[in-house]
Amino acid sequence: MIERSEYKGKPILVIKRDENDQYPFSFGLSKAKLILENIEEIKKFVEESS
């Protein structure tokens, strides 16, 4: 589940496991760009660590 929100007037994404997730993962545009730039390495990490 992904929601769009704002933090200090800037857009963020909030990723939740479900509606009642008490500890969602949130990030803004700068971190989103970093994630996209490194998505292949992130995928590799998940594959190797699973």
Protein backbone atom coordinates (compact mmCIF):
# COMPACT_ATOMS: atom_id res chain seq x y z
CA MET A 1 0.00 0.00 0.00
CA ILE A 2 1.49 3.33 -1.07
CA GLU A 3 0.23 6.77 -0.11
CA ARG A 4 1.37 10.23 -1.13
CA SER A 5 1.76 12.74 1.64
CA GLU A 6 3.73 15.85 2.57
CA TYR A 7 6.46 16.62 5.07
CA LYS A 8 7.34 20.25 5.69
CA GLY A 9 5.54 21.17 2.47
CA LYS A 10 7.43 18.68 0.30
CA PRO A 11 5.96 15.54 -1.30
CA ILE A 12 6.78 12.12 0.15
CA LEU A 13 5.76 8.53 -0.49
CA VAL A 14 4.64 6.38 2.43
CA ILE A 15 4.83 2.60 1.95
CA LYS A 16 2.84 0.42 4.35
CA ARG A 17 2.57 -3.37 4.63
CA ASP A 18 -1.14 -2.93 5.30
CA GLU A 19 -3.64 -0.33 6.55
CA ASN A 20 -2.59 -0.88 10.20
CA ASP A 21 1.18 -0.76 9.70
CA GLN A 22 2.56 1.18 12.67
CA TYR A 23 6.02 1.64 11.13
CA PRO A 24 5.65 2.69 7.49
CA PHE A 25 8.62 3.44 5.25
CA SER A 26 8.62 6.99 3.92
CA PHE A 27 10.93 9.00 1.69
CA GLY A 28 11.03 12.10 -0.42
CA LEU A 29 12.16 12.94 -3.93
CA SER A 30 15.92 12.90 -3.24
CA LYS A 31 15.82 9.40 -1.77
CA ALA A 32 13.43 8.23 -4.49
CA LYS A 33 15.99 9.30 -7.10
CA LEU A 34 18.74 7.44 -5.22
CA ILE A 35 16.60 4.31 -5.12
CA LEU A 36 15.95 4.50 -8.87
CA GLU A 37 19.65 5.08 -9.62
CA ASN A 38 20.53 1.98 -7.59
CA ILE A 39 17.53 -0.28 -8.25
CA GLU A 40 19.61 -3.08 -9.83
CA GLU A 41 21.91 -3.28 -6.80
CA ILE A 42 18.87 -3.27 -4.50
CA LYS A 43 17.34 -6.14 -6.50
CA LYS A 44 20.64 -8.05 -6.30
CA PHE A 45 20.75 -7.52 -2.53
CA VAL A 46 17.23 -8.89 -2.11
CA GLU A 47 17.96 -11.92 -4.28
CA GLU A 48 21.19 -12.75 -2.45
CA SER A 49 19.75 -12.16 1.01
CA SER A 50 16.49 -14.07 0.59
